Amino acid sequence: MPRKLLQLIPGLILYGVADAFMIRAAIGVDSWTVFAQGLSVHSGFGIGIVTNVTGVIVLLLWWPLRQKPGLGTILNILLVGPGIELGLWLLPTPRPYGCGSRTSYLACCSSHSRAASTSVPAWVRVHATAS
């Protein structure tokens, strides 16, 4: 039992941190996190707290089914939310594209000059001619 707990607890926290990576990257998140994100925006609470509260509410709604939740279910409710908050605290907020860094400036300049010559990206032309 202790070995499983030693695997489960860091795993749930890392799952929350992984959710934070997806939130910060704005690449799309799972349905549970989308729901928590929407409630977070409208309520003003952090997404981790909303995730925990939502989990507790779902667990209370589960009670009339007379199903006993396991330790993993309870730890999931308690640890994923703080993992999200930890990840969002650790990860910097990305800057918008083209904020003045040299790399983004060069990317803008080179893409505009190529756009005038052709609408097909260079990597597509290279792969098309190679095959």
N, C-alpha and C. Protein backbone atom coordinates (compact mmCIF):
# COMPACT_ATOMS: atom_id res chain seq x y z
N MET A 1 0.81 -1.21 0.00
CA MET A 1 0.00 0.00 0.00
C MET A 1 0.85 1.27 0.00
N PRO A 2 1.89 1.39 0.83
CA PRO A 2 2.68 2.63 0.81
C PRO A 2 3.36 2.88 -0.53
N ARG A 3 3.79 1.82 -1.22
CA ARG A 3 4.43 2.01 -2.53
C ARG A 3 3.45 2.62 -3.53
N LYS A 4 2.22 2.13 -3.52
CA LYS A 4 1.21 2.68 -4.42
C LYS A 4 0.92 4.14 -4.10
N LEU A 5 0.87 4.47 -2.82
CA LEU A 5 0.65 5.87 -2.42
C LEU A 5 1.83 6.75 -2.84
N LEU A 6 3.04 6.21 -2.73
CA LEU A 6 4.22 6.97 -3.15
C LEU A 6 4.23 7.21 -4.66
N GLN A 7 3.55 6.39 -5.41
CA GLN A 7 3.42 6.60 -6.85
C GLN A 7 2.22 7.49 -7.17
N LEU A 8 1.13 7.29 -6.42
CA LEU A 8 -0.11 8.00 -6.70
C LEU A 8 -0.02 9.49 -6.39
N ILE A 9 0.50 9.84 -5.24
CA ILE A 9 0.51 11.24 -4.79
C ILE A 9 1.32 12.13 -5.73
N PRO A 10 2.58 11.80 -6.04
CA PRO A 10 3.30 12.65 -7.00
C PRO A 10 2.67 12.62 -8.39
N GLY A 11 2.10 11.47 -8.75
CA GLY A 11 1.46 11.37 -10.06
C GLY A 11 0.27 12.31 -10.20
N LEU A 12 -0.54 12.43 -9.17
CA LEU A 12 -1.68 13.34 -9.21
C LEU A 12 -1.25 14.79 -9.22
N ILE A 13 -0.21 15.10 -8.46
CA ILE A 13 0.31 16.48 -8.47
C ILE A 13 0.89 16.80 -9.85
N LEU A 14 1.63 15.87 -10.42
CA LEU A 14 2.19 16.09 -11.76
C LEU A 14 1.10 16.18 -12.82
N TYR A 15 0.00 15.45 -12.62
CA TYR A 15 -1.13 15.58 -13.55
C TYR A 15 -1.67 17.01 -13.52
N GLY A 16 -1.77 17.59 -12.32
CA GLY A 16 -2.20 18.98 -12.20
C GLY A 16 -1.22 19.93 -12.85
N VAL A 17 0.08 19.68 -12.68
CA VAL A 17 1.10 20.52 -13.31
C VAL A 17 1.00 20.39 -14.84
N ALA A 18 0.74 19.18 -15.33
CA ALA A 18 0.57 18.99 -16.78
C ALA A 18 -0.64 19.76 -17.29
N ASP A 19 -1.71 19.79 -16.51
CA ASP A 19 -2.87 20.61 -16.86
C ASP A 19 -2.46 22.08 -16.95
N ALA A 20 -1.64 22.52 -16.02
CA ALA A 20 -1.17 23.91 -16.03
C ALA A 20 -0.36 24.21 -17.29
N PHE A 21 0.47 23.25 -17.73
CA PHE A 21 1.20 23.43 -18.98
C PHE A 21 0.25 23.64 -20.15
N MET A 22 -0.81 22.83 -20.20
CA MET A 22 -1.76 22.96 -21.30
C MET A 22 -2.55 24.26 -21.21
N ILE A 23 -2.86 24.69 -20.00
CA ILE A 23 -3.57 25.97 -19.82
C ILE A 23 -2.69 27.12 -20.28
N ARG A 24 -1.44 27.15 -19.83
CA ARG A 24 -0.52 28.24 -20.19
C ARG A 24 -0.23 28.25 -21.69
N ALA A 25 -0.11 27.06 -22.29
CA ALA A 25 0.21 26.99 -23.71
C ALA A 25 -0.99 27.31 -24.58
N ALA A 26 -2.18 27.29 -24.00
CA ALA A 26 -3.43 27.56 -24.73
C ALA A 26 -3.58 26.63 -25.93
N ILE A 27 -3.28 25.35 -25.71
CA ILE A 27 -3.41 24.37 -26.79
C ILE A 27 -4.68 23.53 -26.66
N GLY A 28 -5.47 23.82 -25.65
CA GLY A 28 -6.70 23.07 -25.41
C GLY A 28 -6.52 22.15 -24.22
N VAL A 29 -7.56 21.99 -23.46
CA VAL A 29 -7.51 21.18 -22.25
C VAL A 29 -8.67 20.18 -22.26
N ASP A 30 -8.62 19.24 -21.32
CA ASP A 30 -9.69 18.24 -21.24
C ASP A 30 -10.99 18.87 -20.75
N SER A 31 -12.07 18.14 -20.87
CA SER A 31 -13.40 18.70 -20.59
C SER A 31 -13.56 19.13 -19.13
N TRP A 32 -12.99 18.38 -18.21
CA TRP A 32 -13.09 18.74 -16.79
C TRP A 32 -12.41 20.08 -16.53
N THR A 33 -11.26 20.28 -17.14
CA THR A 33 -10.52 21.54 -16.95
C THR A 33 -11.20 22.69 -17.66
N VAL A 34 -11.83 22.43 -18.81
CA VAL A 34 -12.59 23.49 -19.50
C VAL A 34 -13.71 23.97 -18.61
N PHE A 35 -14.41 23.03 -17.99
CA PHE A 35 -15.50 23.38 -17.08
C PHE A 35 -14.96 24.22 -15.91
N ALA A 36 -13.86 23.76 -15.31
CA ALA A 36 -13.27 24.50 -14.19
C ALA A 36 -12.75 25.86 -14.64
N GLN A 37 -12.21 25.92 -15.85
CA GLN A 37 -11.70 27.19 -16.37
C GLN A 37 -12.84 28.19 -16.55
N GLY A 38 -13.97 27.72 -17.08
CA GLY A 38 -15.13 28.60 -17.24
C GLY A 38 -15.66 29.10 -15.91
N LEU A 39 -15.79 28.18 -14.94
CA LEU A 39 -16.24 28.60 -13.61
C LEU A 39 -15.25 29.55 -12.96
N SER A 40 -13.96 29.33 -13.20
CA SER A 40 -12.93 30.19 -12.65
C SER A 40 -13.03 31.61 -13.20
N VAL A 41 -13.26 31.71 -14.49
CA VAL A 41 -13.37 33.03 -15.12
C VAL A 41 -14.58 33.78 -14.57
N HIS A 42 -15.70 33.08 -14.41
CA HIS A 42 -16.93 33.73 -13.97
C HIS A 42 -17.01 33.95 -12.47
N SER A 43 -16.28 33.13 -11.69
CA SER A 43 -16.36 33.28 -10.24
C SER A 43 -15.22 34.13 -9.66
N GLY A 44 -14.11 34.18 -10.36
CA GLY A 44 -12.96 34.93 -9.85
C GLY A 44 -12.03 34.11 -8.97
N PHE A 45 -12.38 32.86 -8.70
CA PHE A 45 -11.51 31.97 -7.93
C PHE A 45 -10.49 31.33 -8.85
N GLY A 46 -9.40 30.82 -8.29
CA GLY A 46 -8.39 30.14 -9.07
C GLY A 46 -8.91 28.83 -9.63
N ILE A 47 -8.34 28.41 -10.75
CA ILE A 47 -8.82 27.20 -11.42
C ILE A 47 -8.58 25.95 -10.57
N GLY A 48 -7.52 25.94 -9.76
CA GLY A 48 -7.27 24.81 -8.88
C GLY A 48 -8.32 24.68 -7.79
N ILE A 49 -8.69 25.80 -7.21
CA ILE A 49 -9.73 25.79 -6.17
C ILE A 49 -11.07 25.36 -6.76
N VAL A 50 -11.37 25.87 -7.94
CA VAL A 50 -12.63 25.49 -8.61
C VAL A 50 -12.62 24.00 -8.93
N THR A 51 -11.47 23.47 -9.34
CA THR A 51 -11.37 22.03 -9.61
C THR A 51 -11.65 21.23 -8.34
N ASN A 52 -11.08 21.65 -7.23
CA ASN A 52 -11.32 20.94 -5.96
C ASN A 52 -12.79 21.01 -5.54
N VAL A 53 -13.37 22.20 -5.60
CA VAL A 53 -14.77 22.37 -5.18
C VAL A 53 -15.70 21.57 -6.08
N THR A 54 -15.43 21.59 -7.37
CA THR A 54 -16.26 20.81 -8.31
C THR A 54 -16.15 19.33 -8.00
N GLY A 55 -14.95 18.86 -7.70
CA GLY A 55 -14.77 17.46 -7.34
C GLY A 55 -15.53 17.07 -6.09
N VAL A 56 -15.52 17.93 -5.10
CA VAL A 56 -16.27 17.66 -3.86
C VAL A 56 -17.77 17.62 -4.14
N ILE A 57 -18.25 18.54 -4.96
CA ILE A 57 -19.69 18.56 -5.31
C ILE A 57 -20.08 17.28 -6.04
N VAL A 58 -19.25 16.87 -7.00
CA VAL A 58 -19.55 15.63 -7.73
C VAL A 58 -19.52 14.44 -6.77
N LEU A 59 -18.58 14.42 -5.83
CA LEU A 59 -18.52 13.35 -4.86
C LEU A 59 -19.76 13.33 -3.97
N LEU A 60 -20.25 14.50 -3.58
CA LEU A 60 -21.48 14.57 -2.77
C LEU A 60 -22.69 14.10 -3.57
N LEU A 61 -22.71 14.41 -4.87
CA LEU A 61 -23.81 13.93 -5.70
C LEU A 61 -23.74 12.41 -5.93
N TRP A 62 -22.57 11.86 -5.71
CA TRP A 62 -22.34 10.43 -5.87
C TRP A 62 -22.84 9.66 -4.65
N TRP A 63 -22.95 10.34 -3.53
CA TRP A 63 -23.34 9.72 -2.27
C TRP A 63 -24.66 8.94 -2.34
N PRO A 64 -25.74 9.49 -2.94
CA PRO A 64 -27.00 8.73 -2.99
C PRO A 64 -26.90 7.41 -3.77
N LEU A 65 -25.87 7.26 -4.59
CA LEU A 65 -25.70 6.00 -5.32
C LEU A 65 -25.17 4.89 -4.43
N ARG A 66 -24.85 5.24 -3.20
CA ARG A 66 -24.32 4.31 -2.21
C ARG A 66 -23.03 3.62 -2.67
N GLN A 67 -22.22 4.40 -3.38
CA GLN A 67 -20.91 3.93 -3.80
C GLN A 67 -19.87 4.54 -2.87
N LYS A 68 -19.01 3.71 -2.33
CA LYS A 68 -17.97 4.21 -1.44
C LYS A 68 -16.76 4.62 -2.28
N PRO A 69 -16.36 5.90 -2.22
CA PRO A 69 -15.20 6.31 -3.00
C PRO A 69 -13.91 5.73 -2.42
N GLY A 70 -13.00 5.41 -3.29
CA GLY A 70 -11.72 4.88 -2.85
C GLY A 70 -10.76 6.00 -2.47
N LEU A 71 -9.63 5.60 -1.95
CA LEU A 71 -8.61 6.56 -1.54
C LEU A 71 -8.09 7.35 -2.75
N GLY A 72 -7.97 6.66 -3.90
CA GLY A 72 -7.50 7.33 -5.12
C GLY A 72 -8.44 8.43 -5.57
N THR A 73 -9.73 8.20 -5.45
CA THR A 73 -10.72 9.22 -5.82
C THR A 73 -10.61 10.44 -4.92
N ILE A 74 -10.48 10.20 -3.65
CA ILE A 74 -10.39 11.31 -2.69
C ILE A 74 -9.08 12.08 -2.89
N LEU A 75 -7.98 11.35 -3.09
CA LEU A 75 -6.71 12.02 -3.34
C LEU A 75 -6.73 12.80 -4.65
N ASN A 76 -7.43 12.28 -5.64
CA ASN A 76 -7.57 13.00 -6.91
C ASN A 76 -8.24 14.35 -6.68
N ILE A 77 -9.31 14.35 -5.92
CA ILE A 77 -10.02 15.59 -5.64
C ILE A 77 -9.14 16.56 -4.86
N LEU A 78 -8.33 16.04 -3.95
CA LEU A 78 -7.51 16.90 -3.10
C LEU A 78 -6.21 17.39 -3.75
N LEU A 79 -5.63 16.64 -4.69
CA LEU A 79 -4.28 16.95 -5.16
C LEU A 79 -4.17 17.54 -6.56
N VAL A 80 -5.11 17.27 -7.45
CA VAL A 80 -4.99 17.80 -8.81
C VAL A 80 -5.13 19.32 -8.82
N GLY A 81 -6.06 19.86 -8.06
CA GLY A 81 -6.25 21.31 -7.99
C GLY A 81 -5.01 22.05 -7.51
N PRO A 82 -4.42 21.63 -6.38
CA PRO A 82 -3.17 22.28 -5.97
C PRO A 82 -2.04 22.09 -6.97
N GLY A 83 -2.03 20.95 -7.68
CA GLY A 83 -1.02 20.75 -8.73
C GLY A 83 -1.19 21.76 -9.85
N ILE A 84 -2.44 22.05 -10.23
CA ILE A 84 -2.70 23.07 -11.25
C ILE A 84 -2.23 24.43 -10.77
N GLU A 85 -2.58 24.78 -9.54
CA GLU A 85 -2.16 26.07 -8.99
C GLU A 85 -0.64 26.18 -8.90
N LEU A 86 0.01 25.10 -8.49
CA LEU A 86 1.47 25.09 -8.42
C LEU A 86 2.08 25.30 -9.80
N GLY A 87 1.56 24.57 -10.79
CA GLY A 87 2.07 24.71 -12.14
C GLY A 87 1.86 26.10 -12.71
N LEU A 88 0.68 26.68 -12.49
CA LEU A 88 0.42 28.03 -12.99
C LEU A 88 1.30 29.06 -12.28
N TRP A 89 1.63 28.81 -11.01
CA TRP A 89 2.51 29.71 -10.28
C TRP A 89 3.95 29.62 -10.81
N LEU A 90 4.39 28.40 -11.14
CA LEU A 90 5.75 28.20 -11.61
C LEU A 90 5.97 28.63 -13.06
N LEU A 91 4.96 28.43 -13.90
CA LEU A 91 5.13 28.70 -15.34
C LEU A 91 4.89 30.18 -15.64
N PRO A 92 5.75 30.77 -16.44
CA PRO A 92 5.53 32.17 -16.81
C PRO A 92 4.38 32.29 -17.80
N THR A 93 3.72 33.42 -17.78
CA THR A 93 2.68 33.68 -18.76
C THR A 93 3.35 34.01 -20.08
N PRO A 94 3.00 33.32 -21.17
CA PRO A 94 3.67 33.59 -22.44
C PRO A 94 3.36 34.99 -22.96
N ARG A 95 4.36 35.59 -23.58
CA ARG A 95 4.17 36.90 -24.17
C ARG A 95 3.49 36.74 -25.53
N PRO A 96 2.73 37.72 -25.94
CA PRO A 96 2.11 37.62 -27.27
C PRO A 96 3.17 37.60 -28.36
N TYR A 97 2.82 37.01 -29.48
CA TYR A 97 3.75 36.90 -30.60
C TYR A 97 4.16 38.29 -31.07
N GLY A 98 5.44 38.48 -31.31
CA GLY A 98 5.93 39.73 -31.85
C GLY A 98 6.12 40.81 -30.81
N CYS A 99 6.57 40.47 -29.62
CA CYS A 99 6.73 41.46 -28.55
C CYS A 99 8.05 42.21 -28.64
N GLY A 100 8.79 42.01 -29.67
CA GLY A 100 10.03 42.75 -29.80
C GLY A 100 11.27 41.92 -29.62
N SER A 101 11.16 40.64 -29.38
CA SER A 101 12.36 39.83 -29.29
C SER A 101 12.96 39.69 -30.68
N ARG A 102 14.26 39.49 -30.73
CA ARG A 102 14.93 39.38 -32.03
C ARG A 102 14.37 38.24 -32.86
N THR A 103 14.11 37.13 -32.24
CA THR A 103 13.61 35.97 -32.97
C THR A 103 12.27 36.27 -33.62
N SER A 104 11.35 36.86 -32.86
CA SER A 104 10.03 37.14 -33.44
C SER A 104 10.13 38.21 -34.53
N TYR A 105 11.05 39.16 -34.36
CA TYR A 105 11.23 40.20 -35.39
C TYR A 105 11.73 39.57 -36.68
N LEU A 106 12.70 38.68 -36.56
CA LEU A 106 13.23 38.02 -37.75
C LEU A 106 12.17 37.14 -38.40
N ALA A 107 11.37 36.47 -37.59
CA ALA A 107 10.32 35.62 -38.15
C ALA A 107 9.30 36.47 -38.90
N CYS A 108 8.93 37.63 -38.34
CA CYS A 108 7.98 38.51 -39.02
C CYS A 108 8.56 39.03 -40.33
N CYS A 109 9.81 39.49 -40.29
CA CYS A 109 10.43 40.06 -41.49
C CYS A 109 10.57 39.02 -42.59
N SER A 110 11.04 37.82 -42.21
CA SER A 110 11.26 36.81 -43.23
C SER A 110 9.94 36.29 -43.78
N SER A 111 8.92 36.18 -42.95
CA SER A 111 7.65 35.67 -43.46
C SER A 111 6.97 36.68 -44.37
N HIS A 112 7.13 37.98 -44.08
CA HIS A 112 6.52 38.98 -44.96
C HIS A 112 7.22 39.05 -46.30
N SER A 113 8.54 38.92 -46.31
CA SER A 113 9.25 38.99 -47.58
C SER A 113 8.95 37.76 -48.43
N ARG A 114 8.80 36.59 -47.81
CA ARG A 114 8.46 35.39 -48.57
C ARG A 114 7.02 35.42 -49.04
N ALA A 115 6.15 36.01 -48.25
CA ALA A 115 4.73 36.03 -48.61
C ALA A 115 4.51 36.78 -49.91
N ALA A 116 5.35 37.74 -50.18
CA ALA A 116 5.20 38.49 -51.43
C ALA A 116 5.59 37.63 -52.62
N SER A 117 6.58 36.72 -52.45
CA SER A 117 7.05 35.93 -53.57
C SER A 117 6.18 34.71 -53.84
N THR A 118 5.70 34.05 -52.78
CA THR A 118 4.88 32.86 -52.96
C THR A 118 4.04 32.61 -51.71
N SER A 119 2.95 31.91 -51.86
CA SER A 119 2.11 31.63 -50.71
C SER A 119 2.41 30.26 -50.10
N VAL A 120 3.32 29.50 -50.69
CA VAL A 120 3.67 28.18 -50.18
C VAL A 120 4.91 28.32 -49.28
N PRO A 121 4.85 27.81 -48.04
CA PRO A 121 6.01 27.90 -47.16
C PRO A 121 7.22 27.17 -47.74
N ALA A 122 8.41 27.62 -47.37
CA ALA A 122 9.64 27.07 -47.91
C ALA A 122 9.79 25.58 -47.59
N TRP A 123 9.41 25.16 -46.39
CA TRP A 123 9.58 23.75 -46.03
C TRP A 123 8.71 22.85 -46.88
N VAL A 124 7.55 23.37 -47.35
CA VAL A 124 6.70 22.57 -48.22
C VAL A 124 7.36 22.45 -49.58
N ARG A 125 7.93 23.54 -50.09
CA ARG A 125 8.61 23.50 -51.39
C ARG A 125 9.79 22.54 -51.37
N VAL A 126 10.56 22.55 -50.25
CA VAL A 126 11.73 21.67 -50.15
C VAL A 126 11.29 20.22 -50.16
N HIS A 127 10.25 19.88 -49.38
CA HIS A 127 9.79 18.50 -49.33
C HIS A 127 9.13 18.07 -50.63
N ALA A 128 8.48 18.98 -51.30
CA ALA A 128 7.82 18.65 -52.56
C ALA A 128 8.85 18.36 -53.65
N THR A 129 9.95 19.10 -53.68
CA THR A 129 10.96 18.88 -54.71
C THR A 129 11.83 17.68 -54.39
N ALA A 130 11.95 17.32 -53.10
CA ALA A 130 12.80 16.20 -52.72
C ALA A 130 12.16 14.85 -53.07
N SER A 131 10.85 14.80 -53.12
CA SER A 131 10.19 13.52 -53.38
C SER A 131 9.73 13.42 -54.78
